[in-house]
Amino acid sequence: MVQQNSFTFKLSPAQQAELTRILAMGNYRPVQAPYTQIAVKAEDCTVNLYTSGKCLVQGKGAEEFVLFVLEPHVLKHAAHGYEDVLNPEAANPHMGVDESGKGDFFGPIVVVAAYVDAGLIETMRAMNVRDSKRITSDDAALGLGRELRRLLGRRYSVVKIGPRAYNRLYAKMRNVNTLLAWAHARAIENLLETVPSCPRAISDQFGKKEQVERALMKKGKEIELVQQPRAEADIAVAAASVMARELFLRALYDLQQKYNRDFPKGASAMVQEAARELAGKAGPEVLLDTAKCHFKTTDKVLADLGTDRTVLGPEGQATSKPPARRKAS
């Protein structure tokens, strides 16, 4: 098995304090890194403890640092290399489902379902498959996603909802979680065409599990659905997240080629400026073909252009619902 050279842990305040003490006293060289409480260069690896409590260990010696410093002295338990012992079900055949593009104004939503068994899991661990949010380079996500698609062959499925279809569906459903439940159910059903005996599907907890169950058709009625927080810790979900991100990035690149301009990710001020330039040149209606129009970004862009949602027709009228207010206790 290829040695793993990147690890991420979420540490409690007590664990952060202990790691800081160890790094300050040990034979480590301090380095500068943004948003960190402490960052050091150890032998053959770097250790960054961020203000968020996330600890990132990277480099040739990362695995040794985790095994001989972090686990025994900070985490106080052994996990790396014991995944199948601690969670034996994780190595059984199952599928993971995840999406990309939900928080991006431009581009589609891509949902992927990925099947794994014991042999595929071993290969994926050797490939260092992990949650796509831990992959900071688009090039790395594109490369790993392509490798995973080659590995899995027909043992994955994709549901890609382009902006025009997304806006039409959102105008009908008026809820992102309802839309996601429908897309997850379609991805599960499609993959069951190839692996009909798959007993279980795991996904992140984005809404009520019953929404997905109701959206499943005949083939999916027998599968066990599991929704859990931080589902990307499961390697099937992690693989699905990487492939979904890869295919989202490729779709964004296609938009860039079609319109000969950049389409930034996310929903930042840079995204708003790009949308304003695009709509100013091609007309506001172009947002229906390039963006998720229920975002508040749409209203800001249209206001800057001296117009409003009426120019977008029926499919552009739906807006994101504000979060429910908590009742005063």
Protein backbone atom coordinates (compact mmCIF):
# COMPACT_ATOMS: atom_id res chain seq x y z
CA MET A 1 0.00 0.00 0.00
CA VAL A 2 1.24 3.49 -0.84
CA GLN A 3 2.17 5.45 2.27
CA GLN A 4 -0.30 8.20 3.13
CA ASN A 5 1.30 11.64 3.23
CA SER A 6 -1.59 13.92 4.20
CA PHE A 7 -3.76 13.79 7.34
CA THR A 8 -6.42 16.15 8.70
CA PHE A 9 -7.82 16.05 12.25
CA LYS A 10 -10.32 18.24 14.10
CA LEU A 11 -8.93 18.76 17.60
CA SER A 12 -10.74 19.70 20.79
CA PRO A 13 -9.47 22.73 22.78
CA ALA A 14 -7.63 20.38 25.17
CA GLN A 15 -6.03 18.51 22.27
CA GLN A 16 -5.00 21.80 20.65
CA ALA A 17 -3.33 22.89 23.88
CA GLU A 18 -1.46 19.59 24.18
CA LEU A 19 -0.27 19.67 20.56
CA THR A 20 0.87 23.28 20.97
CA ARG A 21 2.84 22.27 24.07
CA ILE A 22 4.50 19.36 22.24
CA LEU A 23 5.39 21.41 19.18
CA ALA A 24 6.77 24.28 21.28
CA MET A 25 9.01 21.97 23.34
CA GLY A 26 10.12 19.50 20.68
CA ASN A 27 12.81 19.66 18.04
CA TYR A 28 10.61 21.47 15.52
CA ARG A 29 11.35 24.53 13.42
CA PRO A 30 8.61 27.23 13.49
CA VAL A 31 7.36 28.36 10.07
CA GLN A 32 4.95 31.07 8.96
CA ALA A 33 1.52 29.95 7.76
CA PRO A 34 -1.69 32.03 7.59
CA TYR A 35 -4.56 31.38 10.00
CA THR A 36 -2.53 29.06 12.23
CA GLN A 37 -2.06 28.95 16.00
CA ILE A 38 1.26 27.23 15.43
CA ALA A 39 3.02 25.82 12.37
CA VAL A 40 6.25 23.84 12.36
CA LYS A 41 8.56 21.86 10.12
CA ALA A 42 9.23 18.45 11.60
CA GLU A 43 11.44 15.77 10.11
CA ASP A 44 10.06 15.10 6.60
CA CYS A 45 6.70 16.75 7.30
CA THR A 46 4.94 19.98 8.25
CA VAL A 47 2.36 20.35 11.01
CA ASN A 48 -0.16 23.21 10.86
CA LEU A 49 -2.62 23.79 13.71
CA TYR A 50 -5.20 26.28 12.45
CA THR A 51 -7.25 28.71 14.52
CA SER A 52 -10.33 26.67 13.58
CA GLY A 53 -8.88 23.69 15.49
CA LYS A 54 -8.03 21.76 12.34
CA CYS A 55 -4.65 20.06 12.34
CA LEU A 56 -3.03 19.33 8.97
CA VAL A 57 0.00 17.03 8.77
CA GLN A 58 1.64 16.76 5.35
CA GLY A 59 4.80 15.33 3.86
CA LYS A 60 6.83 12.16 3.51
CA GLY A 61 7.01 11.71 7.29
CA ALA A 62 3.36 12.57 8.00
CA GLU A 63 2.32 8.99 8.73
CA GLU A 64 5.16 8.51 11.22
CA PHE A 65 4.25 11.75 13.03
CA VAL A 66 0.60 10.66 13.29
CA LEU A 67 1.48 7.16 14.51
CA PHE A 68 4.15 8.11 17.06
CA VAL A 69 3.23 11.64 18.21
CA LEU A 70 -0.32 12.71 17.39
CA GLU A 71 -2.23 9.51 18.16
CA PRO A 72 -0.51 8.45 21.43
CA HIS A 73 0.07 11.90 22.94
CA VAL A 74 -2.74 14.13 21.55
CA LEU A 75 -5.63 12.02 20.23
CA LYS A 76 -5.07 9.34 22.91
CA HIS A 77 -6.25 6.55 20.61
CA ALA A 78 -4.99 4.57 17.63
CA ALA A 79 -7.02 4.85 14.44
CA HIS A 80 -4.73 4.98 11.41
CA GLY A 81 -4.30 1.47 10.01
CA TYR A 82 -7.15 0.15 12.17
CA GLU A 83 -10.06 1.49 10.13
CA ASP A 84 -11.50 -1.94 9.36
CA VAL A 85 -11.17 -3.09 12.98
CA LEU A 86 -12.83 0.03 14.40
CA ASN A 87 -15.58 0.07 11.78
CA PRO A 88 -15.86 -3.38 10.15
CA GLU A 89 -18.96 -2.42 8.15
CA ALA A 90 -16.93 0.19 6.26
CA ALA A 91 -15.19 -2.55 4.24
CA ASN A 92 -18.45 -4.23 3.21
CA PRO A 93 -19.91 -3.52 -0.25
CA HIS A 94 -21.87 -0.27 -0.29
CA MET A 95 -22.22 2.99 -2.19
CA GLY A 96 -21.52 6.57 -1.18
CA VAL A 97 -23.34 9.60 -2.56
CA ASP A 98 -22.20 13.21 -2.56
CA GLU A 99 -22.63 16.42 -4.54
CA SER A 100 -20.67 19.43 -5.70
CA GLY A 101 -21.75 22.89 -6.77
CA LYS A 102 -24.46 23.49 -4.18
CA GLY A 103 -22.76 26.62 -2.84
CA ASP A 104 -21.49 27.87 -6.20
CA PHE A 105 -23.51 30.56 -7.98
CA PHE A 106 -22.21 29.56 -11.42
CA GLY A 107 -22.39 26.10 -12.91
CA PRO A 108 -24.39 22.94 -12.26
CA ILE A 109 -24.99 20.73 -9.30
CA VAL A 110 -23.32 17.36 -9.81
CA VAL A 111 -24.34 14.34 -7.74
CA VAL A 112 -22.28 11.14 -7.88
CA ALA A 113 -22.91 7.70 -6.41
CA ALA A 114 -19.81 5.47 -6.10
CA TYR A 115 -19.71 1.75 -5.29
CA VAL A 116 -16.96 0.14 -3.21
CA ASP A 117 -16.05 -3.30 -1.95
CA ALA A 118 -13.02 -4.55 0.01
CA GLY A 119 -10.73 -4.65 -3.04
CA LEU A 120 -11.73 -1.20 -4.28
CA ILE A 121 -11.34 0.25 -0.78
CA GLU A 122 -7.77 -1.05 -0.56
CA THR A 123 -6.94 0.49 -3.95
CA MET A 124 -8.57 3.81 -3.01
CA ARG A 125 -6.61 4.00 0.23
CA ALA A 126 -3.43 3.49 -1.78
CA MET A 127 -4.57 6.37 -4.03
CA ASN A 128 -5.06 8.57 -0.91
CA VAL A 129 -8.74 9.12 -1.68
CA ARG A 130 -10.17 11.65 0.78
CA ASP A 131 -12.95 14.21 1.05
CA SER A 132 -12.72 16.68 -1.85
CA LYS A 133 -12.75 19.59 0.64
CA ARG A 134 -9.31 18.39 1.78
CA ILE A 135 -7.98 18.73 -1.78
CA THR A 136 -6.95 22.37 -2.14
CA SER A 137 -5.79 22.23 -5.78
CA ASP A 138 -8.26 22.06 -8.68
CA ASP A 139 -5.65 20.20 -10.72
CA ALA A 140 -5.34 17.56 -7.99
CA ALA A 141 -9.13 17.15 -7.80
CA LEU A 142 -9.35 16.83 -11.59
CA GLY A 143 -6.59 14.23 -11.66
CA LEU A 144 -7.87 12.12 -8.77
CA GLY A 145 -11.45 12.26 -10.05
CA ARG A 146 -10.33 11.03 -13.47
CA GLU A 147 -8.36 8.17 -11.86
CA LEU A 148 -11.38 7.16 -9.79
CA ARG A 149 -13.67 7.09 -12.82
CA ARG A 150 -11.18 4.85 -14.63
CA LEU A 151 -10.94 2.57 -11.59
CA LEU A 152 -14.69 2.23 -11.11
CA GLY A 153 -15.70 1.87 -14.75
CA ARG A 154 -19.48 1.39 -14.65
CA ARG A 155 -19.59 1.21 -10.85
CA TYR A 156 -20.49 4.87 -10.42
CA SER A 157 -23.33 7.07 -11.64
CA VAL A 158 -23.67 10.80 -12.27
CA VAL A 159 -26.64 13.15 -12.12
CA LYS A 160 -25.68 16.56 -13.46
CA ILE A 161 -28.26 19.33 -13.23
CA GLY A 162 -27.21 22.23 -15.46
CA PRO A 163 -28.21 25.80 -14.60
CA ARG A 164 -31.27 25.93 -16.92
CA ALA A 165 -32.65 22.64 -15.56
CA TYR A 166 -31.68 23.61 -12.00
CA ASN A 167 -33.60 26.90 -12.21
CA ARG A 168 -36.63 25.10 -13.64
CA LEU A 169 -36.56 22.48 -10.87
CA TYR A 170 -35.97 25.03 -8.12
CA ALA A 171 -38.89 27.14 -9.35
CA LYS A 172 -41.05 24.01 -8.95
CA MET A 173 -39.62 22.61 -5.70
CA ARG A 174 -38.59 25.87 -3.93
CA ASN A 175 -36.16 23.99 -1.70
CA VAL A 176 -32.53 22.96 -2.25
CA ASN A 177 -32.79 19.90 0.03
CA THR A 178 -35.83 18.63 -1.88
CA LEU A 179 -33.94 19.05 -5.13
CA LEU A 180 -30.89 17.30 -3.68
CA ALA A 181 -33.02 14.42 -2.39
CA TRP A 182 -34.41 13.91 -5.89
CA ALA A 183 -30.92 13.98 -7.44
CA HIS A 184 -29.46 11.62 -4.80
CA ALA A 185 -32.32 9.18 -5.39
CA ARG A 186 -31.72 9.25 -9.17
CA ALA A 187 -27.99 8.62 -8.68
CA ILE A 188 -28.72 5.66 -6.39
CA GLU A 189 -31.28 4.19 -8.80
CA ASN A 190 -28.91 4.57 -11.76
CA LEU A 191 -26.05 2.83 -9.95
CA LEU A 192 -28.32 -0.02 -8.90
CA GLU A 193 -28.70 -0.82 -12.60
CA THR A 194 -25.03 -1.90 -12.51
CA VAL A 195 -24.74 -3.22 -8.92
CA PRO A 196 -28.30 -4.38 -8.12
CA SER A 197 -27.23 -6.30 -5.01
CA CYS A 198 -25.66 -3.27 -3.28
CA PRO A 199 -27.22 -3.30 0.21
CA ARG A 200 -26.49 0.19 1.54
CA ALA A 201 -26.10 3.83 0.45
CA ILE A 202 -24.37 6.42 2.64
CA SER A 203 -24.60 10.19 2.26
CA ASP A 204 -24.12 13.35 4.26
CA GLN A 205 -27.01 14.60 6.38
CA PHE A 206 -28.43 17.42 4.26
CA GLY A 207 -32.13 16.97 5.04
CA LYS A 208 -34.68 14.40 6.15
CA LYS A 209 -33.80 10.87 5.03
CA GLU A 210 -37.46 10.34 4.17
CA GLN A 211 -37.13 12.86 1.31
CA VAL A 212 -34.67 10.56 -0.46
CA GLU A 213 -36.68 7.45 0.39
CA ARG A 214 -39.83 8.96 -1.11
CA ALA A 215 -37.94 9.88 -4.29
CA LEU A 216 -36.57 6.36 -4.80
CA MET A 217 -38.31 4.16 -7.33
CA LYS A 218 -38.70 0.38 -7.54
CA LYS A 219 -35.02 -0.61 -7.55
CA GLY A 220 -34.12 1.65 -4.64
CA LYS A 221 -36.92 0.66 -2.28
CA GLU A 222 -34.91 -2.22 -0.79
CA ILE A 223 -31.62 -0.39 -0.19
CA GLU A 224 -30.70 0.80 3.30
CA LEU A 225 -30.21 4.56 3.36
CA VAL A 226 -27.77 5.98 5.90
CA GLN A 227 -27.40 9.73 6.42
CA GLN A 228 -24.71 10.80 8.85
CA PRO A 229 -22.73 13.93 9.73
CA ARG A 230 -19.24 14.04 8.18
CA ALA A 231 -20.14 11.15 5.89
CA GLU A 232 -17.06 11.96 3.77
CA ALA A 233 -15.06 9.98 6.35
CA ASP A 234 -16.49 6.93 4.54
CA ILE A 235 -14.27 6.20 1.53
CA ALA A 236 -17.20 5.61 -0.85
CA VAL A 237 -18.63 9.04 -0.01
CA ALA A 238 -15.16 10.56 -0.27
CA ALA A 239 -14.73 9.03 -3.74
CA ALA A 240 -18.14 10.34 -4.78
CA SER A 241 -17.22 13.81 -3.49
CA VAL A 242 -13.99 13.85 -5.51
CA MET A 243 -15.67 12.74 -8.74
CA ALA A 244 -18.53 15.20 -8.23
CA ARG A 245 -16.03 18.04 -7.73
CA GLU A 246 -14.04 16.97 -10.79
CA LEU A 247 -17.12 16.90 -13.00
CA PHE A 248 -18.32 20.24 -11.59
CA LEU A 249 -14.94 21.82 -12.44
CA ARG A 250 -15.11 20.39 -15.95
CA ALA A 251 -18.61 21.83 -16.41
CA LEU A 252 -17.37 25.23 -15.21
CA TYR A 253 -14.53 25.00 -17.73
CA ASP A 254 -17.08 24.28 -20.49
CA LEU A 255 -18.92 27.48 -19.54
CA GLN A 256 -15.66 29.39 -19.70
CA GLN A 257 -15.00 28.06 -23.19
CA LYS A 258 -18.52 28.84 -24.38
CA TYR A 259 -18.63 32.42 -23.10
CA ASN A 260 -14.89 33.15 -23.34
CA ARG A 261 -14.65 34.47 -19.80
CA ASP A 262 -13.87 33.31 -16.26
CA PHE A 263 -16.57 31.84 -14.04
CA PRO A 264 -15.26 32.02 -10.44
CA LYS A 265 -16.31 29.42 -7.90
CA GLY A 266 -18.39 30.19 -4.82
CA ALA A 267 -20.60 33.23 -4.30
CA SER A 268 -18.12 35.98 -3.42
CA ALA A 269 -17.89 39.63 -4.51
CA MET A 270 -15.68 38.40 -7.35
CA VAL A 271 -18.50 36.13 -8.50
CA GLN A 272 -20.96 39.03 -8.36
CA GLU A 273 -18.65 41.19 -10.47
CA ALA A 274 -18.23 38.40 -13.05
CA ALA A 275 -22.01 37.92 -13.22
CA ARG A 276 -22.56 41.66 -13.65
CA GLU A 277 -20.09 41.81 -16.53
CA LEU A 278 -21.60 38.73 -18.16
CA ALA A 279 -25.21 39.91 -17.85
CA GLY A 280 -24.26 43.43 -18.92
CA LYS A 281 -22.76 42.09 -22.14
CA ALA A 282 -25.04 39.15 -22.99
CA GLY A 283 -28.26 40.32 -21.31
CA PRO A 284 -29.70 39.35 -17.89
CA GLU A 285 -31.36 36.23 -19.33
CA VAL A 286 -27.93 34.62 -19.66
CA LEU A 287 -28.01 34.03 -15.90
CA LEU A 288 -30.66 31.35 -16.40
CA ASP A 289 -28.15 29.36 -18.49
CA THR A 290 -25.10 29.92 -16.30
CA ALA A 291 -26.16 30.44 -12.68
CA LYS A 292 -28.41 29.27 -9.85
CA CYS A 293 -30.79 32.20 -9.93
CA HIS A 294 -32.39 31.78 -6.51
CA PHE A 295 -29.12 33.06 -4.95
CA LYS A 296 -29.28 36.60 -3.57
CA THR A 297 -26.40 37.34 -5.93
CA THR A 298 -28.96 37.47 -8.75
CA ASP A 299 -30.88 40.34 -7.13
CA LYS A 300 -27.67 42.30 -6.53
CA VAL A 301 -26.52 41.85 -10.11
CA LEU A 302 -29.89 42.80 -11.58
CA ALA A 303 -30.13 45.86 -9.32
CA ASP A 304 -26.68 46.98 -10.50
CA LEU A 305 -27.98 46.71 -14.08
CA GLY A 306 -31.09 48.77 -13.25
CA THR A 307 -33.57 45.91 -13.54
CA ASP A 308 -35.11 43.07 -11.50
CA ARG A 309 -36.22 39.45 -11.71
CA THR A 310 -39.12 40.17 -14.07
CA VAL A 311 -36.63 39.98 -16.96
CA LEU A 312 -35.89 36.34 -16.08
CA GLY A 313 -39.41 35.02 -16.61
CA PRO A 314 -41.16 32.41 -14.43
CA GLU A 315 -38.07 30.25 -13.87
CA GLY A 316 -36.13 33.15 -12.39
CA GLN A 317 -38.63 34.29 -9.77
CA ALA A 318 -37.89 31.81 -6.97
CA THR A 319 -35.54 33.07 -4.25
CA SER A 320 -33.70 31.35 -1.43
CA LYS A 321 -35.71 31.24 1.78
CA PRO A 322 -34.07 33.01 4.72
CA PRO A 323 -33.13 30.69 7.60
CA ALA A 324 -35.90 30.22 10.17
CA ARG A 325 -35.55 32.44 13.21
CA ARG A 326 -35.15 30.77 16.55
CA LYS A 327 -37.88 31.45 19.05
CA ALA A 328 -36.80 33.47 22.06
CA SER A 329 -36.52 31.31 25.15
